[in-house]
N, C-alpha and C. Protein backbone atom coordinates (compact mmCIF):
# COMPACT_ATOMS: atom_id res chain seq x y z
N MET A 1 -56.78 31.98 138.66
CA MET A 1 -57.91 31.76 139.55
C MET A 1 -59.20 32.12 138.83
N ASP A 2 -60.19 31.26 138.94
CA ASP A 2 -61.52 31.51 138.38
C ASP A 2 -62.47 31.85 139.50
N LEU A 3 -63.20 32.95 139.35
CA LEU A 3 -64.18 33.38 140.34
C LEU A 3 -65.56 33.41 139.68
N HIS A 4 -66.49 32.66 140.25
CA HIS A 4 -67.83 32.58 139.68
C HIS A 4 -68.86 33.13 140.66
N LEU A 5 -69.70 34.04 140.16
CA LEU A 5 -70.78 34.64 140.95
C LEU A 5 -72.08 33.91 140.66
N ASN A 6 -72.64 33.27 141.66
CA ASN A 6 -73.94 32.63 141.54
C ASN A 6 -74.98 33.61 142.07
N ILE A 7 -75.59 34.35 141.16
CA ILE A 7 -76.42 35.49 141.55
C ILE A 7 -77.74 35.06 142.15
N GLY A 8 -78.41 34.10 141.58
CA GLY A 8 -79.64 33.60 142.17
C GLY A 8 -80.72 34.66 142.27
N GLY A 9 -81.14 34.98 143.50
CA GLY A 9 -82.31 35.83 143.71
C GLY A 9 -82.09 37.31 143.61
N GLY A 10 -80.84 37.78 143.51
CA GLY A 10 -80.64 39.22 143.43
C GLY A 10 -79.18 39.60 143.53
N LEU A 11 -78.90 40.86 143.23
CA LEU A 11 -77.52 41.34 143.26
C LEU A 11 -77.50 42.83 143.54
N THR A 12 -76.72 43.21 144.53
CA THR A 12 -76.45 44.62 144.80
C THR A 12 -74.94 44.76 144.97
N GLY A 13 -74.47 46.00 144.93
CA GLY A 13 -73.04 46.22 145.10
C GLY A 13 -72.55 45.78 146.46
N ASP A 14 -73.33 46.03 147.51
CA ASP A 14 -72.90 45.63 148.85
C ASP A 14 -72.90 44.11 149.01
N MET A 15 -73.79 43.39 148.31
CA MET A 15 -73.77 41.93 148.34
C MET A 15 -72.50 41.40 147.67
N PHE A 16 -72.08 42.05 146.59
CA PHE A 16 -70.84 41.65 145.92
C PHE A 16 -69.66 41.81 146.89
N ILE A 17 -69.58 42.96 147.54
CA ILE A 17 -68.49 43.19 148.48
C ILE A 17 -68.53 42.18 149.61
N ALA A 18 -69.72 41.92 150.16
CA ALA A 18 -69.85 40.98 151.27
C ALA A 18 -69.44 39.57 150.88
N ALA A 19 -69.85 39.12 149.69
CA ALA A 19 -69.52 37.76 149.25
C ALA A 19 -68.01 37.61 149.05
N VAL A 20 -67.38 38.62 148.45
CA VAL A 20 -65.94 38.53 148.21
C VAL A 20 -65.18 38.59 149.53
N LEU A 21 -65.59 39.47 150.44
CA LEU A 21 -64.91 39.56 151.73
C LEU A 21 -65.16 38.34 152.59
N ASP A 22 -66.29 37.69 152.41
CA ASP A 22 -66.54 36.45 153.15
C ASP A 22 -65.52 35.38 152.74
N ALA A 23 -65.14 35.40 151.46
CA ALA A 23 -64.13 34.45 150.97
C ALA A 23 -62.71 34.96 151.19
N PHE A 24 -62.51 36.29 151.13
CA PHE A 24 -61.18 36.88 151.24
C PHE A 24 -61.19 38.00 152.29
N PRO A 25 -61.34 37.65 153.57
CA PRO A 25 -61.46 38.69 154.61
C PRO A 25 -60.22 39.56 154.75
N GLN A 26 -59.07 39.10 154.23
CA GLN A 26 -57.84 39.88 154.35
C GLN A 26 -57.88 41.19 153.56
N PHE A 27 -58.90 41.35 152.70
CA PHE A 27 -58.97 42.56 151.88
C PHE A 27 -59.94 43.61 152.43
N GLU A 28 -60.43 43.41 153.64
CA GLU A 28 -61.42 44.35 154.18
C GLU A 28 -60.86 45.77 154.29
N GLN A 29 -59.62 45.90 154.76
CA GLN A 29 -59.04 47.23 154.91
C GLN A 29 -58.82 47.93 153.56
N ARG A 30 -58.56 47.16 152.51
CA ARG A 30 -58.45 47.76 151.17
C ARG A 30 -59.78 48.38 150.77
N VAL A 31 -60.86 47.69 151.07
CA VAL A 31 -62.19 48.19 150.72
C VAL A 31 -62.48 49.49 151.48
N VAL A 32 -62.25 49.46 152.78
CA VAL A 32 -62.52 50.64 153.61
C VAL A 32 -61.68 51.82 153.17
N ALA A 33 -60.41 51.58 152.85
CA ALA A 33 -59.52 52.67 152.43
C ALA A 33 -59.99 53.29 151.12
N ALA A 34 -60.43 52.47 150.18
CA ALA A 34 -60.90 52.99 148.89
C ALA A 34 -62.17 53.82 149.07
N ILE A 35 -63.06 53.36 149.93
CA ILE A 35 -64.29 54.10 150.19
C ILE A 35 -63.97 55.42 150.89
N ASP A 36 -63.09 55.37 151.89
CA ASP A 36 -62.73 56.58 152.62
C ASP A 36 -62.08 57.62 151.71
N ALA A 37 -61.37 57.17 150.68
CA ALA A 37 -60.68 58.09 149.77
C ALA A 37 -61.65 58.89 148.91
N MET A 38 -62.90 58.44 148.83
CA MET A 38 -63.87 59.09 147.94
C MET A 38 -65.07 59.70 148.64
N ASP A 39 -65.17 59.56 149.97
CA ASP A 39 -66.46 59.90 150.59
C ASP A 39 -66.49 61.26 151.27
N ALA A 40 -65.53 62.15 150.97
CA ALA A 40 -65.47 63.43 151.69
C ALA A 40 -66.79 64.19 151.73
N PRO A 41 -67.49 64.40 150.60
CA PRO A 41 -68.75 65.13 150.67
C PRO A 41 -69.90 64.29 151.25
N HIS A 42 -69.75 62.97 151.19
CA HIS A 42 -70.80 62.06 151.64
C HIS A 42 -70.17 61.00 152.55
N PRO A 43 -69.69 61.37 153.75
CA PRO A 43 -68.99 60.40 154.60
C PRO A 43 -69.91 59.26 155.02
N VAL A 44 -69.36 58.06 155.06
CA VAL A 44 -70.13 56.87 155.42
C VAL A 44 -69.37 56.05 156.44
N ALA A 45 -70.10 55.20 157.12
CA ALA A 45 -69.52 54.23 158.04
C ALA A 45 -69.78 52.84 157.48
N CYS A 46 -68.74 52.02 157.36
CA CYS A 46 -68.87 50.69 156.78
C CYS A 46 -68.55 49.63 157.82
N SER A 47 -69.23 48.51 157.73
CA SER A 47 -68.95 47.40 158.64
C SER A 47 -69.28 46.08 157.97
N LEU A 48 -68.42 45.10 158.18
CA LEU A 48 -68.63 43.74 157.69
C LEU A 48 -69.23 42.95 158.85
N VAL A 49 -70.47 42.50 158.66
CA VAL A 49 -71.23 41.89 159.75
C VAL A 49 -71.56 40.44 159.42
N ALA A 50 -71.26 39.53 160.34
CA ALA A 50 -71.61 38.12 160.14
C ALA A 50 -73.12 37.98 160.10
N HIS A 51 -73.59 37.11 159.21
CA HIS A 51 -75.04 36.93 159.04
C HIS A 51 -75.31 35.47 158.68
N ALA A 52 -76.46 34.98 159.09
CA ALA A 52 -76.84 33.60 158.77
C ALA A 52 -78.34 33.52 158.60
N ASP A 53 -78.77 32.59 157.76
CA ASP A 53 -80.19 32.30 157.62
C ASP A 53 -80.35 30.79 157.47
N ASP A 54 -81.52 30.36 157.05
CA ASP A 54 -81.78 28.92 156.95
C ASP A 54 -80.92 28.25 155.89
N GLU A 55 -80.40 29.03 154.94
CA GLU A 55 -79.63 28.45 153.84
C GLU A 55 -78.12 28.44 154.08
N GLY A 56 -77.64 29.14 155.10
CA GLY A 56 -76.22 29.12 155.35
C GLY A 56 -75.72 30.36 156.08
N ARG A 57 -74.40 30.47 156.16
CA ARG A 57 -73.75 31.57 156.85
C ARG A 57 -72.91 32.40 155.88
N GLY A 58 -72.74 33.64 156.20
CA GLY A 58 -71.93 34.51 155.37
C GLY A 58 -71.79 35.86 156.05
N HIS A 59 -71.77 36.92 155.25
CA HIS A 59 -71.63 38.27 155.78
C HIS A 59 -72.53 39.26 155.05
N ARG A 60 -72.79 40.35 155.70
CA ARG A 60 -73.40 41.53 155.07
C ARG A 60 -72.38 42.65 155.15
N PHE A 61 -72.38 43.52 154.12
CA PHE A 61 -71.53 44.70 154.15
C PHE A 61 -72.45 45.90 154.26
N GLU A 62 -72.46 46.49 155.45
CA GLU A 62 -73.39 47.59 155.72
C GLU A 62 -72.71 48.93 155.49
N ILE A 63 -73.40 49.80 154.77
CA ILE A 63 -72.90 51.15 154.47
C ILE A 63 -73.96 52.14 154.96
N GLU A 64 -73.58 52.97 155.90
CA GLU A 64 -74.51 53.94 156.48
C GLU A 64 -73.93 55.34 156.42
N PRO A 65 -74.77 56.36 156.19
CA PRO A 65 -74.26 57.74 156.20
C PRO A 65 -73.88 58.15 157.62
N PHE A 66 -72.81 58.94 157.74
CA PHE A 66 -72.35 59.37 159.05
C PHE A 66 -73.43 60.09 159.84
N ASP A 67 -74.27 60.86 159.14
CA ASP A 67 -75.25 61.65 159.88
C ASP A 67 -76.33 60.79 160.52
N LYS A 68 -76.38 59.51 160.17
CA LYS A 68 -77.30 58.61 160.87
C LYS A 68 -76.89 58.48 162.33
N TYR A 69 -75.57 58.57 162.57
CA TYR A 69 -75.05 58.42 163.92
C TYR A 69 -74.84 59.75 164.62
N PHE A 70 -74.47 60.79 163.85
CA PHE A 70 -74.14 62.07 164.45
C PHE A 70 -75.23 63.12 164.31
N GLY A 71 -76.28 62.79 163.57
CA GLY A 71 -77.34 63.75 163.35
C GLY A 71 -76.96 64.77 162.30
N TYR A 72 -77.89 65.65 161.98
CA TYR A 72 -77.64 66.66 160.95
C TYR A 72 -76.76 67.77 161.51
N ILE A 73 -75.63 68.01 160.84
CA ILE A 73 -74.71 69.08 161.22
C ILE A 73 -74.62 70.03 160.04
N PRO A 74 -75.15 71.25 160.15
CA PRO A 74 -75.13 72.18 159.01
C PRO A 74 -73.73 72.37 158.45
N LEU A 75 -73.65 72.32 157.13
CA LEU A 75 -72.42 72.53 156.36
C LEU A 75 -71.39 71.40 156.51
N ALA A 76 -71.68 70.41 157.35
CA ALA A 76 -70.70 69.33 157.54
C ALA A 76 -70.84 68.24 156.50
N PHE A 77 -72.08 67.86 156.19
CA PHE A 77 -72.33 66.78 155.26
C PHE A 77 -73.16 67.28 154.09
N SER A 78 -72.80 66.86 152.90
CA SER A 78 -73.54 67.25 151.71
C SER A 78 -74.70 66.30 151.47
N HIS A 79 -75.86 66.88 151.21
CA HIS A 79 -77.03 66.08 150.88
C HIS A 79 -77.43 66.26 149.41
N GLU A 80 -76.54 66.90 148.66
CA GLU A 80 -76.81 67.10 147.24
C GLU A 80 -76.48 65.83 146.46
N PRO A 81 -77.24 65.55 145.39
CA PRO A 81 -76.90 64.41 144.55
C PRO A 81 -75.52 64.58 143.94
N ALA A 82 -74.83 63.46 143.75
CA ALA A 82 -73.49 63.51 143.17
C ALA A 82 -73.59 63.42 141.65
N SER A 83 -73.09 64.43 140.96
CA SER A 83 -73.09 64.41 139.50
C SER A 83 -71.96 63.53 139.01
N TRP A 84 -72.09 63.05 137.77
CA TRP A 84 -71.04 62.23 137.17
C TRP A 84 -69.76 63.03 137.05
N GLU A 85 -69.88 64.31 136.73
CA GLU A 85 -68.69 65.16 136.61
C GLU A 85 -67.96 65.28 137.95
N SER A 86 -68.72 65.46 139.04
CA SER A 86 -68.08 65.59 140.35
C SER A 86 -67.43 64.28 140.78
N VAL A 87 -68.04 63.16 140.41
CA VAL A 87 -67.46 61.86 140.74
C VAL A 87 -66.14 61.67 139.99
N ARG A 88 -66.11 62.06 138.72
CA ARG A 88 -64.87 61.97 137.93
C ARG A 88 -63.76 62.79 138.57
N GLU A 89 -64.09 63.99 139.00
CA GLU A 89 -63.09 64.87 139.60
C GLU A 89 -62.56 64.27 140.90
N ARG A 90 -63.44 63.71 141.70
CA ARG A 90 -63.01 63.11 142.97
C ARG A 90 -62.17 61.86 142.72
N LEU A 91 -62.51 61.10 141.69
CA LEU A 91 -61.71 59.93 141.35
C LEU A 91 -60.30 60.32 140.95
N ALA A 92 -60.19 61.38 140.16
CA ALA A 92 -58.88 61.82 139.70
C ALA A 92 -58.01 62.30 140.85
N ALA A 93 -58.63 62.88 141.87
CA ALA A 93 -57.87 63.44 142.98
C ALA A 93 -57.68 62.46 144.13
N ALA A 94 -58.42 61.34 144.14
CA ALA A 94 -58.40 60.41 145.27
C ALA A 94 -57.04 59.74 145.43
N ASP A 95 -56.66 59.50 146.67
CA ASP A 95 -55.40 58.82 146.98
C ASP A 95 -55.67 57.31 146.97
N ILE A 96 -55.73 56.74 145.76
CA ILE A 96 -56.01 55.33 145.57
C ILE A 96 -55.04 54.76 144.54
N LYS A 97 -54.91 53.44 144.50
CA LYS A 97 -54.04 52.80 143.53
C LYS A 97 -54.57 53.01 142.12
N PRO A 98 -53.68 53.10 141.14
CA PRO A 98 -54.11 53.30 139.75
C PRO A 98 -55.11 52.23 139.29
N GLY A 99 -54.90 50.98 139.69
CA GLY A 99 -55.81 49.92 139.29
C GLY A 99 -57.20 50.12 139.85
N VAL A 100 -57.29 50.55 141.10
CA VAL A 100 -58.60 50.82 141.72
C VAL A 100 -59.29 51.96 140.98
N ARG A 101 -58.53 53.01 140.65
CA ARG A 101 -59.10 54.15 139.93
C ARG A 101 -59.63 53.70 138.56
N THR A 102 -58.88 52.86 137.86
CA THR A 102 -59.30 52.40 136.54
C THR A 102 -60.59 51.58 136.63
N HIS A 103 -60.62 50.62 137.54
CA HIS A 103 -61.82 49.79 137.68
C HIS A 103 -63.03 50.63 138.08
N ALA A 104 -62.84 51.51 139.05
CA ALA A 104 -63.95 52.34 139.52
C ALA A 104 -64.48 53.24 138.40
N THR A 105 -63.57 53.84 137.64
CA THR A 105 -63.99 54.72 136.55
C THR A 105 -64.84 53.97 135.54
N ARG A 106 -64.44 52.78 135.18
CA ARG A 106 -65.18 52.02 134.17
C ARG A 106 -66.53 51.55 134.69
N ILE A 107 -66.59 51.20 135.98
CA ILE A 107 -67.88 50.81 136.55
C ILE A 107 -68.80 52.03 136.62
N PHE A 108 -68.27 53.17 137.04
CA PHE A 108 -69.07 54.40 137.08
C PHE A 108 -69.57 54.77 135.68
N GLU A 109 -68.75 54.56 134.67
CA GLU A 109 -69.17 54.86 133.30
C GLU A 109 -70.38 54.01 132.90
N LEU A 110 -70.36 52.74 133.26
CA LEU A 110 -71.51 51.87 132.97
C LEU A 110 -72.73 52.33 133.74
N LEU A 111 -72.52 52.72 134.99
CA LEU A 111 -73.63 53.20 135.81
C LEU A 111 -74.20 54.51 135.27
N ALA A 112 -73.30 55.39 134.81
CA ALA A 112 -73.74 56.67 134.26
C ALA A 112 -74.53 56.49 132.96
N LYS A 113 -74.21 55.44 132.20
CA LYS A 113 -74.96 55.16 130.98
C LYS A 113 -76.32 54.53 131.29
N ALA A 114 -76.39 53.74 132.35
CA ALA A 114 -77.62 53.02 132.68
C ALA A 114 -78.66 53.93 133.32
N GLU A 115 -78.24 54.84 134.19
CA GLU A 115 -79.20 55.67 134.90
C GLU A 115 -80.08 56.52 133.98
N PRO A 116 -79.51 57.18 132.95
CA PRO A 116 -80.39 57.96 132.06
C PRO A 116 -81.42 57.10 131.36
N VAL A 117 -81.04 55.88 130.99
CA VAL A 117 -81.98 54.98 130.31
C VAL A 117 -83.14 54.62 131.24
N VAL A 118 -82.79 54.28 132.49
CA VAL A 118 -83.81 53.86 133.45
C VAL A 118 -84.70 55.03 133.86
N ARG A 119 -84.09 56.20 134.04
CA ARG A 119 -84.83 57.35 134.55
C ARG A 119 -85.34 58.27 133.46
N GLY A 120 -84.97 58.03 132.21
CA GLY A 120 -85.47 58.84 131.11
C GLY A 120 -84.94 60.26 131.10
N ILE A 121 -83.64 60.43 131.32
CA ILE A 121 -83.04 61.75 131.30
C ILE A 121 -81.86 61.77 130.34
N ALA A 122 -81.35 62.95 130.06
CA ALA A 122 -80.18 63.08 129.18
C ALA A 122 -78.94 62.60 129.91
N PRO A 123 -77.97 61.99 129.18
CA PRO A 123 -76.76 61.48 129.83
C PRO A 123 -76.01 62.51 130.65
N ASP A 124 -75.96 63.78 130.16
CA ASP A 124 -75.20 64.78 130.91
C ASP A 124 -75.94 65.27 132.15
N GLU A 125 -77.17 64.77 132.37
CA GLU A 125 -77.91 65.13 133.57
C GLU A 125 -77.84 64.04 134.63
N THR A 126 -76.99 63.05 134.42
CA THR A 126 -76.89 61.93 135.34
C THR A 126 -76.52 62.41 136.74
N ARG A 127 -77.31 61.99 137.70
CA ARG A 127 -77.04 62.24 139.11
C ARG A 127 -77.21 60.93 139.85
N PHE A 128 -76.28 60.64 140.75
CA PHE A 128 -76.40 59.42 141.54
C PHE A 128 -77.32 59.72 142.72
N GLU A 129 -78.62 59.87 142.39
CA GLU A 129 -79.56 60.34 143.39
C GLU A 129 -80.11 59.23 144.27
N LEU A 130 -80.20 58.01 143.75
CA LEU A 130 -80.79 56.94 144.51
C LEU A 130 -79.77 56.43 145.53
N GLY A 131 -79.64 57.20 146.63
CA GLY A 131 -78.61 56.87 147.61
C GLY A 131 -77.24 57.04 147.02
N GLY A 132 -76.95 58.24 146.48
CA GLY A 132 -75.69 58.46 145.79
C GLY A 132 -74.49 58.07 146.62
N TRP A 133 -74.48 58.42 147.91
CA TRP A 133 -73.37 58.06 148.77
C TRP A 133 -73.20 56.55 148.83
N ASN A 134 -74.32 55.84 148.78
CA ASN A 134 -74.29 54.38 148.86
C ASN A 134 -73.71 53.77 147.58
N SER A 135 -74.17 54.27 146.43
CA SER A 135 -73.66 53.77 145.15
C SER A 135 -72.17 54.02 145.00
N ILE A 136 -71.72 55.21 145.38
CA ILE A 136 -70.30 55.54 145.28
C ILE A 136 -69.47 54.61 146.15
N ALA A 137 -69.92 54.38 147.38
CA ALA A 137 -69.19 53.48 148.28
C ALA A 137 -69.15 52.06 147.73
N GLN A 138 -70.26 51.60 147.16
CA GLN A 138 -70.30 50.25 146.62
C GLN A 138 -69.34 50.09 145.44
N VAL A 139 -69.32 51.07 144.56
CA VAL A 139 -68.42 50.99 143.40
C VAL A 139 -66.96 51.01 143.86
N MET A 140 -66.63 51.87 144.81
CA MET A 140 -65.25 51.95 145.27
C MET A 140 -64.81 50.66 145.96
N GLY A 141 -65.71 50.09 146.77
CA GLY A 141 -65.38 48.83 147.43
C GLY A 141 -65.20 47.70 146.44
N ALA A 142 -66.08 47.63 145.45
CA ALA A 142 -65.97 46.60 144.42
C ALA A 142 -64.68 46.76 143.63
N ALA A 143 -64.33 48.00 143.28
CA ALA A 143 -63.11 48.25 142.50
C ALA A 143 -61.88 47.83 143.28
N ALA A 144 -61.86 48.08 144.58
CA ALA A 144 -60.72 47.69 145.41
C ALA A 144 -60.55 46.17 145.42
N LEU A 145 -61.66 45.44 145.48
CA LEU A 145 -61.59 43.98 145.50
C LEU A 145 -61.18 43.41 144.14
N ILE A 146 -61.72 43.98 143.08
CA ILE A 146 -61.35 43.53 141.74
C ILE A 146 -59.85 43.71 141.52
N ASP A 147 -59.33 44.86 141.97
CA ASP A 147 -57.89 45.13 141.84
C ASP A 147 -57.07 44.15 142.68
N ALA A 148 -57.53 43.87 143.89
CA ALA A 148 -56.80 42.97 144.78
C ALA A 148 -56.73 41.55 144.25
N LEU A 149 -57.76 41.14 143.50
CA LEU A 149 -57.84 39.76 143.03
C LEU A 149 -57.31 39.56 141.61
N GLU A 150 -56.81 40.59 140.97
CA GLU A 150 -56.25 40.41 139.64
C GLU A 150 -55.06 39.47 139.67
N PRO A 151 -54.90 38.63 138.64
CA PRO A 151 -55.64 38.59 137.36
C PRO A 151 -56.71 37.50 137.32
N ALA A 152 -57.67 37.55 138.21
CA ALA A 152 -58.72 36.54 138.26
C ALA A 152 -59.59 36.60 137.01
N ARG A 153 -60.18 35.47 136.67
CA ARG A 153 -61.15 35.38 135.57
C ARG A 153 -62.54 35.26 136.19
N TRP A 154 -63.43 36.16 135.81
CA TRP A 154 -64.75 36.23 136.42
C TRP A 154 -65.83 35.69 135.49
N THR A 155 -66.78 34.98 136.06
CA THR A 155 -67.99 34.58 135.35
C THR A 155 -69.17 34.81 136.29
N ALA A 156 -70.37 34.82 135.73
CA ALA A 156 -71.56 35.04 136.54
C ALA A 156 -72.75 34.31 135.95
N SER A 157 -73.61 33.83 136.82
CA SER A 157 -74.85 33.21 136.38
C SER A 157 -75.88 34.29 136.11
N ALA A 158 -76.98 33.89 135.51
CA ALA A 158 -78.09 34.82 135.34
C ALA A 158 -78.76 35.04 136.69
N GLY A 159 -79.31 36.23 136.89
CA GLY A 159 -79.98 36.55 138.14
C GLY A 159 -81.37 37.07 137.92
N GLU A 160 -82.17 37.00 138.97
CA GLU A 160 -83.56 37.44 138.86
C GLU A 160 -83.70 38.95 138.92
N ALA A 161 -82.88 39.59 139.72
CA ALA A 161 -83.00 41.03 139.89
C ALA A 161 -81.67 41.60 140.33
N ALA A 162 -81.42 42.83 139.91
CA ALA A 162 -80.17 43.49 140.30
C ALA A 162 -80.40 44.99 140.36
N THR A 163 -79.73 45.65 141.30
CA THR A 163 -79.74 47.10 141.30
C THR A 163 -78.84 47.59 140.18
N LEU A 164 -78.94 48.88 139.86
CA LEU A 164 -78.08 49.43 138.81
C LEU A 164 -76.61 49.26 139.16
N THR A 165 -76.27 49.47 140.43
CA THR A 165 -74.87 49.36 140.82
C THR A 165 -74.40 47.91 140.72
N GLY A 166 -75.19 46.98 141.22
CA GLY A 166 -74.83 45.57 141.13
C GLY A 166 -74.68 45.12 139.69
N ALA A 167 -75.61 45.54 138.84
CA ALA A 167 -75.55 45.16 137.43
C ALA A 167 -74.32 45.76 136.75
N ALA A 168 -73.95 46.99 137.11
CA ALA A 168 -72.78 47.62 136.50
C ALA A 168 -71.50 46.87 136.87
N VAL A 169 -71.40 46.41 138.11
CA VAL A 169 -70.22 45.65 138.54
C VAL A 169 -70.10 44.37 137.74
N VAL A 170 -71.20 43.62 137.62
CA VAL A 170 -71.16 42.35 136.90
C VAL A 170 -70.96 42.57 135.40
N ASP A 171 -71.59 43.58 134.85
CA ASP A 171 -71.41 43.86 133.43
C ASP A 171 -69.96 44.24 133.12
N TYR A 172 -69.30 44.89 134.07
CA TYR A 172 -67.90 45.22 133.88
C TYR A 172 -67.03 43.97 133.94
N LEU A 173 -67.32 43.10 134.88
CA LEU A 173 -66.52 41.88 135.03
C LEU A 173 -66.81 40.85 133.95
N CYS A 174 -68.05 40.79 133.52
CA CYS A 174 -68.49 39.78 132.53
C CYS A 174 -69.23 40.50 131.42
N PRO A 175 -68.53 41.18 130.53
CA PRO A 175 -69.18 42.05 129.55
C PRO A 175 -69.90 41.36 128.41
N SER A 176 -69.75 40.05 128.26
CA SER A 176 -70.43 39.39 127.15
C SER A 176 -71.05 38.09 127.61
N SER A 177 -72.05 37.64 126.86
CA SER A 177 -72.74 36.40 127.19
C SER A 177 -71.79 35.21 127.09
N SER A 178 -70.80 35.30 126.20
CA SER A 178 -69.86 34.19 126.05
C SER A 178 -69.03 34.01 127.32
N GLN A 179 -68.68 35.14 127.97
CA GLN A 179 -67.92 35.03 129.20
C GLN A 179 -68.77 34.45 130.31
N ARG A 180 -70.04 34.80 130.33
CA ARG A 180 -70.91 34.26 131.37
C ARG A 180 -71.08 32.75 131.19
N SER A 181 -71.19 32.31 129.94
CA SER A 181 -71.43 30.89 129.70
C SER A 181 -70.17 30.06 129.88
N ARG A 182 -69.01 30.72 129.99
CA ARG A 182 -67.76 29.99 130.11
C ARG A 182 -67.76 29.11 131.36
N ALA A 183 -68.54 29.52 132.39
CA ALA A 183 -68.58 28.75 133.62
C ALA A 183 -69.20 27.38 133.42
N GLN A 184 -69.94 27.18 132.31
CA GLN A 184 -70.60 25.92 132.06
C GLN A 184 -69.69 24.91 131.36
N VAL A 185 -68.51 25.34 130.90
CA VAL A 185 -67.60 24.45 130.19
C VAL A 185 -66.90 23.55 131.20
N PRO A 186 -67.00 22.22 131.07
CA PRO A 186 -66.35 21.31 132.03
C PRO A 186 -64.84 21.48 132.00
N ARG A 187 -64.24 21.67 133.17
CA ARG A 187 -62.80 21.79 133.29
C ARG A 187 -62.37 21.17 134.60
N MET A 188 -61.13 20.71 134.67
CA MET A 188 -60.59 20.15 135.90
C MET A 188 -60.18 21.30 136.81
N ARG A 189 -61.00 21.58 137.80
CA ARG A 189 -60.72 22.68 138.70
C ARG A 189 -60.99 22.24 140.14
N ASN A 190 -60.29 22.86 141.06
CA ASN A 190 -60.51 22.60 142.48
C ASN A 190 -61.23 23.80 143.09
N LEU A 191 -62.29 23.53 143.82
CA LEU A 191 -62.95 24.58 144.59
C LEU A 191 -62.12 24.83 145.84
N VAL A 192 -61.50 26.00 145.93
CA VAL A 192 -60.58 26.27 147.03
C VAL A 192 -61.18 27.11 148.14
N ARG A 193 -62.20 27.87 147.83
CA ARG A 193 -62.92 28.62 148.85
C ARG A 193 -64.20 29.18 148.26
N SER A 194 -65.10 29.62 149.13
CA SER A 194 -66.35 30.22 148.68
C SER A 194 -66.76 31.29 149.67
N GLY A 195 -67.69 32.16 149.24
CA GLY A 195 -68.18 33.21 150.11
C GLY A 195 -69.63 33.49 149.84
N THR A 196 -70.33 33.97 150.84
CA THR A 196 -71.74 34.30 150.71
C THR A 196 -71.98 35.72 151.19
N GLY A 197 -72.60 36.51 150.35
CA GLY A 197 -72.95 37.88 150.70
C GLY A 197 -74.46 38.03 150.77
N PHE A 198 -74.95 38.54 151.89
CA PHE A 198 -76.39 38.71 152.07
C PHE A 198 -76.81 40.15 151.81
N GLY A 199 -78.01 40.30 151.28
CA GLY A 199 -78.58 41.62 151.06
C GLY A 199 -79.59 41.95 152.14
N SER A 200 -80.28 43.05 151.95
CA SER A 200 -81.23 43.51 152.97
C SER A 200 -82.61 42.90 152.81
N HIS A 201 -82.82 42.12 151.76
CA HIS A 201 -84.14 41.54 151.52
C HIS A 201 -84.08 40.02 151.47
N GLN A 202 -83.30 39.45 152.40
CA GLN A 202 -83.21 37.99 152.53
C GLN A 202 -82.71 37.31 151.26
N SER A 203 -81.98 38.02 150.43
CA SER A 203 -81.38 37.41 149.25
C SER A 203 -79.89 37.25 149.49
N SER A 204 -79.26 36.35 148.74
CA SER A 204 -77.84 36.12 148.94
C SER A 204 -77.13 35.92 147.61
N LEU A 205 -75.85 36.19 147.61
CA LEU A 205 -74.97 36.03 146.45
C LEU A 205 -73.84 35.09 146.86
N ARG A 206 -73.59 34.06 146.05
CA ARG A 206 -72.51 33.12 146.34
C ARG A 206 -71.35 33.36 145.39
N LEU A 207 -70.16 33.30 145.97
CA LEU A 207 -68.93 33.39 145.19
C LEU A 207 -68.18 32.07 145.33
N PHE A 208 -67.81 31.47 144.18
CA PHE A 208 -67.05 30.24 144.18
C PHE A 208 -65.67 30.51 143.57
N CYS A 209 -64.63 30.06 144.25
CA CYS A 209 -63.26 30.33 143.82
C CYS A 209 -62.59 29.01 143.45
N PHE A 210 -62.12 28.93 142.20
CA PHE A 210 -61.53 27.71 141.67
C PHE A 210 -60.07 27.94 141.28
N GLU A 211 -59.27 26.90 141.44
CA GLU A 211 -57.92 26.88 140.91
C GLU A 211 -57.76 25.63 140.06
N GLU A 212 -57.01 25.73 138.98
CA GLU A 212 -56.75 24.56 138.16
C GLU A 212 -55.61 23.76 138.76
N GLY A 213 -55.67 22.44 138.68
CA GLY A 213 -54.63 21.58 139.20
C GLY A 213 -54.64 21.54 140.71
N ASP A 214 -53.49 21.26 141.31
CA ASP A 214 -53.38 21.08 142.75
C ASP A 214 -52.98 22.35 143.49
N GLU A 215 -52.75 23.41 142.74
CA GLU A 215 -52.24 24.63 143.36
C GLU A 215 -53.36 25.41 144.01
N ALA A 216 -53.23 25.75 145.27
CA ALA A 216 -54.22 26.57 145.96
C ALA A 216 -53.85 28.02 145.81
N LEU A 217 -54.15 28.83 146.81
CA LEU A 217 -53.95 30.27 146.67
C LEU A 217 -52.69 30.73 147.39
N ALA A 218 -51.63 29.93 147.33
CA ALA A 218 -50.41 30.24 148.08
C ALA A 218 -49.82 31.58 147.69
N GLY A 219 -49.98 31.99 146.43
CA GLY A 219 -49.36 33.22 145.97
C GLY A 219 -50.20 34.45 146.15
N LEU A 220 -51.42 34.31 146.73
CA LEU A 220 -52.32 35.46 146.86
C LEU A 220 -51.81 36.39 147.95
N PRO A 221 -51.70 37.70 147.66
CA PRO A 221 -51.20 38.63 148.67
C PRO A 221 -52.16 38.74 149.83
N VAL A 222 -51.61 38.97 151.02
CA VAL A 222 -52.43 39.08 152.23
C VAL A 222 -52.96 40.49 152.39
N GLN A 223 -52.23 41.50 151.94
CA GLN A 223 -52.67 42.87 152.10
C GLN A 223 -52.67 43.58 150.76
């Protein structure tokens, strides 16, 4: 199966999750379970919400901190930034599939390398401060979907803008320019499904799913 991300106007981790779940809604519980396995210090509430605009229909994947709904409860929720070391420790202890752990670790590694460059700090001082709970949830959700869709081949178009988390996901899936350009090579493929993920700033991400020959997705697991 070939999966192509048409990034267009922007890319965030939650847009990636929304686009993939719009095409493969059967994996929603995998995403929620992976996020729940990692969010103990920073609990979040996730929801897949139908959304439409002038260009089409799709979904948004909303991630909100629990204290938005329950208010501030002393000692219940951590508001400290998540260090890369603490994230590694939680990943090692999390009750998740080995494949999800592997994908998440590698995406976090890319994110941990990018943040010091953008913020001008030493690598060992990396903190997921820009909505750390949000970034962690996005990476875990993306990792769960990547694992569920293996052994898919991923490509991506160039995009105008991306958050650090969104860029880390795509850089992990499409690590070289040659892989990105592979989508331009003419091949006999069938478009079997597509998905649209919307962001918070009226931008959208399209996912196109192709199969070679006449075979559809009969062998894809449901759970």
